[in-house]
Amino acid sequence: MSIPVTIVGRIGQPPELKFGSSGKAIARFSVVTSRRVLDKTSNEWSDTDTTWWNCTAFGDLAENVAESCEKGCAVIVTGRAASETWNDKNTGEKRTAMKVIADEVAPSLRFATAKITKANRGGGGGNSGGGQPQSQGQPSGNRSGQQQNTGGGGWGGGNGGGGWGAGGDTEPPF
């Protein structure tokens, strides 16, 4: 049985991309979550309730995660939590850990901006031919809270990306 989960945290190690015997991409990465608390006596912030999540993505999502994310990237991962069981190599004891099978991985835009570009993959599935756009590259570290125009097909983007900003419109369509 798997349980739906959403994790908001930072990539703890660079995604490791491998390909299965069928050629399907598999990316393994970790996400660390924690809660920031203010110590009122020292007036300093610290992390508490730190949890490491082992995540796995498959197919086009795996390739996009490997291309787009690096250690320290703030991400939002939705997927299914599942338990993983194995025998410890040293003690022979049975071990169990929780892992997340990722359905979606996105940059967190709370303290950063990101440019979204459609991935061009060969083959017949996933994002080639009308799939959802994926994030590419690490979000920039704009912590001012202001929108930053990175060009592209977003607000006022003028690179001919096919978005509403490509035709000279300067106002969003809403």
C-alpha atoms as a PDB file:
ATOM      1  CA  MET A   1       0.000   0.000   0.000  1.00  0.00           C
ATOM      2  CA  SER A   2       1.303   3.448  -0.831  1.00  0.00           C
ATOM      3  CA  ILE A   3       0.345   6.708   0.828  1.00  0.00           C
ATOM      4  CA  PRO A   4       0.168  10.031  -1.107  1.00  0.00           C
ATOM      5  CA  VAL A   5       2.706  12.568   0.195  1.00  0.00           C
ATOM      6  CA  THR A   6       3.978  16.049  -0.582  1.00  0.00           C
ATOM      7  CA  ILE A   7       7.462  16.992   0.576  1.00  0.00           C
ATOM      8  CA  VAL A   8       8.893  20.504   0.583  1.00  0.00           C
ATOM      9  CA  GLY A   9      12.624  20.634   1.184  1.00  0.00           C
ATOM     10  CA  ARG A  10      16.064  20.799  -0.390  1.00  0.00           C
ATOM     11  CA  ILE A  11      17.908  18.295  -2.548  1.00  0.00           C
ATOM     12  CA  GLY A  12      20.372  16.652  -0.170  1.00  0.00           C
ATOM     13  CA  GLN A  13      22.565  14.967  -2.759  1.00  0.00           C
ATOM     14  CA  PRO A  14      22.763  15.343  -6.538  1.00  0.00           C
ATOM     15  CA  PRO A  15      20.310  13.060  -8.341  1.00  0.00           C
ATOM     16  CA  GLU A  16      21.887   9.819  -9.551  1.00  0.00           C
ATOM     17  CA  LEU A  17      20.596   8.905 -13.014  1.00  0.00           C
ATOM     18  CA  LYS A  18      20.757   5.319 -14.245  1.00  0.00           C
ATOM     19  CA  PHE A  19      18.970   3.369 -16.930  1.00  0.00           C
ATOM     20  CA  GLY A  20      17.263   0.027 -16.322  1.00  0.00           C
ATOM     21  CA  SER A  21      17.688  -2.994 -18.568  1.00  0.00           C
ATOM     22  CA  SER A  22      14.648  -1.854 -20.587  1.00  0.00           C
ATOM     23  CA  GLY A  23      16.263   1.567 -21.128  1.00  0.00           C
ATOM     24  CA  LYS A  24      13.897   3.391 -18.749  1.00  0.00           C
ATOM     25  CA  ALA A  25      15.535   6.226 -16.805  1.00  0.00           C
ATOM     26  CA  ILE A  26      15.675   5.988 -13.004  1.00  0.00           C
ATOM     27  CA  ALA A  27      16.790   8.916 -10.818  1.00  0.00           C
ATOM     28  CA  ARG A  28      17.473   8.505  -7.124  1.00  0.00           C
ATOM     29  CA  PHE A  29      17.859  11.570  -4.928  1.00  0.00           C
ATOM     30  CA  SER A  30      17.322  12.631  -1.349  1.00  0.00           C
ATOM     31  CA  VAL A  31      15.302  15.539  -0.011  1.00  0.00           C
ATOM     32  CA  VAL A  32      15.871  16.959   3.459  1.00  0.00           C
ATOM     33  CA  THR A  33      13.016  18.618   5.307  1.00  0.00           C
ATOM     34  CA  SER A  34      13.224  20.562   8.539  1.00  0.00           C
ATOM     35  CA  ARG A  35      11.436  23.199  10.542  1.00  0.00           C
ATOM     36  CA  ARG A  36      13.149  26.514  11.379  1.00  0.00           C
ATOM     37  CA  VAL A  37      12.707  27.705  14.947  1.00  0.00           C
ATOM     38  CA  LEU A  38      13.873  30.844  16.728  1.00  0.00           C
ATOM     39  CA  ASP A  39      15.705  30.346  20.029  1.00  0.00           C
ATOM     40  CA  LYS A  40      14.344  33.303  21.992  1.00  0.00           C
ATOM     41  CA  THR A  41      17.246  33.318  24.457  1.00  0.00           C
ATOM     42  CA  SER A  42      20.009  33.542  21.819  1.00  0.00           C
ATOM     43  CA  ASN A  43      17.825  35.128  19.097  1.00  0.00           C
ATOM     44  CA  GLU A  44      19.257  32.634  16.564  1.00  0.00           C
ATOM     45  CA  TRP A  45      17.470  30.390  14.091  1.00  0.00           C
ATOM     46  CA  SER A  46      18.105  26.651  13.977  1.00  0.00           C
ATOM     47  CA  ASP A  47      16.718  23.596  12.184  1.00  0.00           C
ATOM     48  CA  THR A  48      14.677  21.008  14.038  1.00  0.00           C
ATOM     49  CA  ASP A  49      12.626  17.952  13.072  1.00  0.00           C
ATOM     50  CA  THR A  50      15.081  17.175  10.278  1.00  0.00           C
ATOM     51  CA  THR A  51      14.013  14.244   8.099  1.00  0.00           C
ATOM     52  CA  TRP A  52      15.771  12.744   5.091  1.00  0.00           C
ATOM     53  CA  TRP A  53      13.575  11.305   2.324  1.00  0.00           C
ATOM     54  CA  ASN A  54      14.919   8.887  -0.278  1.00  0.00           C
ATOM     55  CA  CYS A  55      13.118   9.607  -3.540  1.00  0.00           C
ATOM     56  CA  THR A  56      12.968   7.783  -6.864  1.00  0.00           C
ATOM     57  CA  ALA A  57      11.687   9.126 -10.190  1.00  0.00           C
ATOM     58  CA  PHE A  58      11.194   7.218 -13.445  1.00  0.00           C
ATOM     59  CA  GLY A  59      11.151   7.959 -17.178  1.00  0.00           C
ATOM     60  CA  ASP A  60      11.142  11.538 -18.454  1.00  0.00           C
ATOM     61  CA  LEU A  61      10.664  12.845 -14.913  1.00  0.00           C
ATOM     62  CA  ALA A  62      13.894  11.088 -13.874  1.00  0.00           C
ATOM     63  CA  GLU A  63      15.833  12.661 -16.734  1.00  0.00           C
ATOM     64  CA  ASN A  64      14.368  16.111 -16.052  1.00  0.00           C
ATOM     65  CA  VAL A  65      15.186  15.870 -12.334  1.00  0.00           C
ATOM     66  CA  ALA A  66      18.772  14.841 -13.117  1.00  0.00           C
ATOM     67  CA  GLU A  67      19.190  17.761 -15.566  1.00  0.00           C
ATOM     68  CA  SER A  68      17.434  20.371 -13.443  1.00  0.00           C
ATOM     69  CA  CYS A  69      18.259  19.703  -9.797  1.00  0.00           C
ATOM     70  CA  GLU A  70      21.468  19.821  -7.849  1.00  0.00           C
ATOM     71  CA  LYS A  71      22.380  19.701  -4.181  1.00  0.00           C
ATOM     72  CA  GLY A  72      20.687  22.513  -2.283  1.00  0.00           C
ATOM     73  CA  CYS A  73      17.846  23.168  -4.769  1.00  0.00           C
ATOM     74  CA  ALA A  74      14.554  23.888  -3.009  1.00  0.00           C
ATOM     75  CA  VAL A  75      11.929  21.484  -4.381  1.00  0.00           C
ATOM     76  CA  ILE A  76       8.382  20.273  -3.938  1.00  0.00           C
ATOM     77  CA  VAL A  77       7.944  16.533  -4.475  1.00  0.00           C
ATOM     78  CA  THR A  78       4.568  14.821  -4.710  1.00  0.00           C
ATOM     79  CA  GLY A  79       4.313  11.089  -4.909  1.00  0.00           C
ATOM     80  CA  ARG A  80       3.627   7.933  -2.978  1.00  0.00           C
ATOM     81  CA  ALA A  81       5.342   6.867   0.221  1.00  0.00           C
ATOM     82  CA  ALA A  82       6.203   3.196   0.307  1.00  0.00           C
ATOM     83  CA  SER A  83       8.245   1.006   2.616  1.00  0.00           C
ATOM     84  CA  GLU A  84      11.409  -0.671   1.408  1.00  0.00           C
ATOM     85  CA  THR A  85      12.752  -3.793   3.128  1.00  0.00           C
ATOM     86  CA  TRP A  86      16.219  -5.374   2.847  1.00  0.00           C
ATOM     87  CA  ASN A  87      18.687  -7.460   4.836  1.00  0.00           C
ATOM     88  CA  ASP A  88      21.583  -5.563   6.380  1.00  0.00           C
ATOM     89  CA  LYS A  89      24.855  -6.729   4.762  1.00  0.00           C
ATOM     90  CA  ASN A  90      26.806  -6.503   8.045  1.00  0.00           C
ATOM     91  CA  THR A  91      24.352  -7.925  10.569  1.00  0.00           C
ATOM     92  CA  GLY A  92      21.930  -9.883   8.400  1.00  0.00           C
ATOM     93  CA  GLU A  93      19.042  -8.153  10.216  1.00  0.00           C
ATOM     94  CA  LYS A  94      15.945  -7.166   8.332  1.00  0.00           C
ATOM     95  CA  ARG A  95      15.764  -3.369   7.803  1.00  0.00           C
ATOM     96  CA  THR A  96      12.875  -1.194   6.671  1.00  0.00           C
ATOM     97  CA  ALA A  97      12.854   2.423   5.497  1.00  0.00           C
ATOM     98  CA  MET A  98      10.327   4.739   3.900  1.00  0.00           C
ATOM     99  CA  LYS A  99      10.913   6.010   0.374  1.00  0.00           C
ATOM    100  CA  VAL A 100       8.977   8.243  -1.995  1.00  0.00           C
ATOM    101  CA  ILE A 101       8.139   7.281  -5.568  1.00  0.00           C
ATOM    102  CA  ALA A 102       7.932  10.730  -7.184  1.00  0.00           C
ATOM    103  CA  ASP A 103       5.030  11.580  -9.478  1.00  0.00           C
ATOM    104  CA  GLU A 104       5.980  15.277  -9.772  1.00  0.00           C
ATOM    105  CA  VAL A 105       9.056  17.317  -8.839  1.00  0.00           C
ATOM    106  CA  ALA A 106       9.025  21.113  -9.055  1.00  0.00           C
ATOM    107  CA  PRO A 107      11.227  23.982  -7.933  1.00  0.00           C
ATOM    108  CA  SER A 108      10.001  25.819  -4.856  1.00  0.00           C
ATOM    109  CA  LEU A 109       9.502  29.470  -5.771  1.00  0.00           C
ATOM    110  CA  ARG A 110       9.261  30.739  -2.202  1.00  0.00           C
ATOM    111  CA  PHE A 111      12.791  32.191  -2.233  1.00  0.00           C
ATOM    112  CA  ALA A 112      13.799  31.748  -5.864  1.00  0.00           C
ATOM    113  CA  THR A 113      12.695  32.119  -9.458  1.00  0.00           C
ATOM    114  CA  ALA A 114      12.923  29.539 -12.202  1.00  0.00           C
ATOM    115  CA  LYS A 115      12.726  29.557 -15.973  1.00  0.00           C
ATOM    116  CA  ILE A 116      10.470  26.794 -17.277  1.00  0.00           C
ATOM    117  CA  THR A 117      11.380  25.241 -20.617  1.00  0.00           C
ATOM    118  CA  LYS A 118       9.815  22.285 -22.349  1.00  0.00           C
ATOM    119  CA  ALA A 119      12.130  19.291 -22.478  1.00  0.00           C
ATOM    120  CA  ASN A 120      12.712  17.869 -25.949  1.00  0.00           C
ATOM    121  CA  ARG A 121      13.107  14.144 -25.662  1.00  0.00           C
ATOM    122  CA  GLY A 122      13.180  11.661 -28.511  1.00  0.00           C
ATOM    123  CA  GLY A 123      10.852   8.702 -28.470  1.00  0.00           C
ATOM    124  CA  GLY A 124       7.110   8.544 -28.270  1.00  0.00           C
ATOM    125  CA  GLY A 125       6.215   9.306 -24.684  1.00  0.00           C
ATOM    126  CA  GLY A 126       6.312  11.825 -21.908  1.00  0.00           C
ATOM    127  CA  ASN A 127       7.016  15.406 -22.826  1.00  0.00           C
ATOM    128  CA  SER A 128       7.656  15.027 -26.542  1.00  0.00           C
ATOM    129  CA  GLY A 129       4.625  16.237 -28.408  1.00  0.00           C
ATOM    130  CA  GLY A 130       2.573  18.209 -25.917  1.00  0.00           C
ATOM    131  CA  GLY A 131       3.461  17.115 -22.396  1.00  0.00           C
ATOM    132  CA  GLN A 132       3.646  19.358 -19.379  1.00  0.00           C
ATOM    133  CA  PRO A 133       6.544  21.820 -19.249  1.00  0.00           C
ATOM    134  CA  GLN A 134       9.319  20.928 -16.878  1.00  0.00           C
ATOM    135  CA  SER A 135      11.770  23.047 -14.928  1.00  0.00           C
ATOM    136  CA  GLN A 136      15.268  23.276 -16.288  1.00  0.00           C
ATOM    137  CA  GLY A 137      18.217  24.642 -14.371  1.00  0.00           C
ATOM    138  CA  GLN A 138      18.527  25.664 -10.769  1.00  0.00           C
ATOM    139  CA  PRO A 139      16.241  28.374  -9.507  1.00  0.00           C
ATOM    140  CA  SER A 140      18.117  31.635  -8.987  1.00  0.00           C
ATOM    141  CA  GLY A 141      18.604  32.878  -5.476  1.00  0.00           C
ATOM    142  CA  ASN A 142      16.399  35.990  -5.614  1.00  0.00           C
ATOM    143  CA  ARG A 143      15.399  36.349  -1.972  1.00  0.00           C
ATOM    144  CA  SER A 144      13.887  39.813  -2.280  1.00  0.00           C
ATOM    145  CA  GLY A 145      10.402  38.416  -2.791  1.00  0.00           C
ATOM    146  CA  GLN A 146      10.026  40.349  -6.055  1.00  0.00           C
ATOM    147  CA  GLN A 147       9.176  38.760  -9.381  1.00  0.00           C
ATOM    148  CA  GLN A 148      12.227  38.526 -11.570  1.00  0.00           C
ATOM    149  CA  ASN A 149      11.787  38.383 -15.335  1.00  0.00           C
ATOM    150  CA  THR A 150      14.047  35.660 -16.653  1.00  0.00           C
ATOM    151  CA  GLY A 151      12.860  36.008 -20.237  1.00  0.00           C
ATOM    152  CA  GLY A 152      11.260  33.055 -21.963  1.00  0.00           C
ATOM    153  CA  GLY A 153       7.582  32.404 -22.474  1.00  0.00           C
ATOM    154  CA  GLY A 154       6.393  33.940 -19.188  1.00  0.00           C
ATOM    155  CA  TRP A 155       5.460  37.489 -18.331  1.00  0.00           C
ATOM    156  CA  GLY A 156       6.725  39.714 -21.091  1.00  0.00           C
ATOM    157  CA  GLY A 157       9.106  37.045 -22.426  1.00  0.00           C
ATOM    158  CA  GLY A 158      10.152  37.994 -25.921  1.00  0.00           C
ATOM    159  CA  ASN A 159      12.107  35.013 -27.200  1.00  0.00           C
ATOM    160  CA  GLY A 160       9.301  33.642 -29.364  1.00  0.00           C
ATOM    161  CA  GLY A 161       8.641  30.785 -26.967  1.00  0.00           C
ATOM    162  CA  GLY A 162       5.026  30.454 -28.100  1.00  0.00           C
ATOM    163  CA  GLY A 163       3.604  31.819 -24.836  1.00  0.00           C
ATOM    164  CA  TRP A 164       1.348  34.838 -24.727  1.00  0.00           C
ATOM    165  CA  GLY A 165       4.395  37.057 -24.055  1.00  0.00           C
ATOM    166  CA  ALA A 166       5.915  36.172 -27.449  1.00  0.00           C
ATOM    167  CA  GLY A 167       3.457  38.268 -29.471  1.00  0.00           C
ATOM    168  CA  GLY A 168       4.277  41.625 -27.884  1.00  0.00           C
ATOM    169  CA  ASP A 169       1.628  41.416 -25.135  1.00  0.00           C
ATOM    170  CA  THR A 170       2.816  43.136 -21.993  1.00  0.00           C
ATOM    171  CA  GLU A 171      -0.060  42.241 -19.711  1.00  0.00           C
ATOM    172  CA  PRO A 172      -0.916  38.774 -18.393  1.00  0.00           C
ATOM    173  CA  PRO A 173      -4.098  37.268 -19.883  1.00  0.00           C
ATOM    174  CA  PHE A 174      -6.018  37.327 -16.574  1.00  0.00           C
END
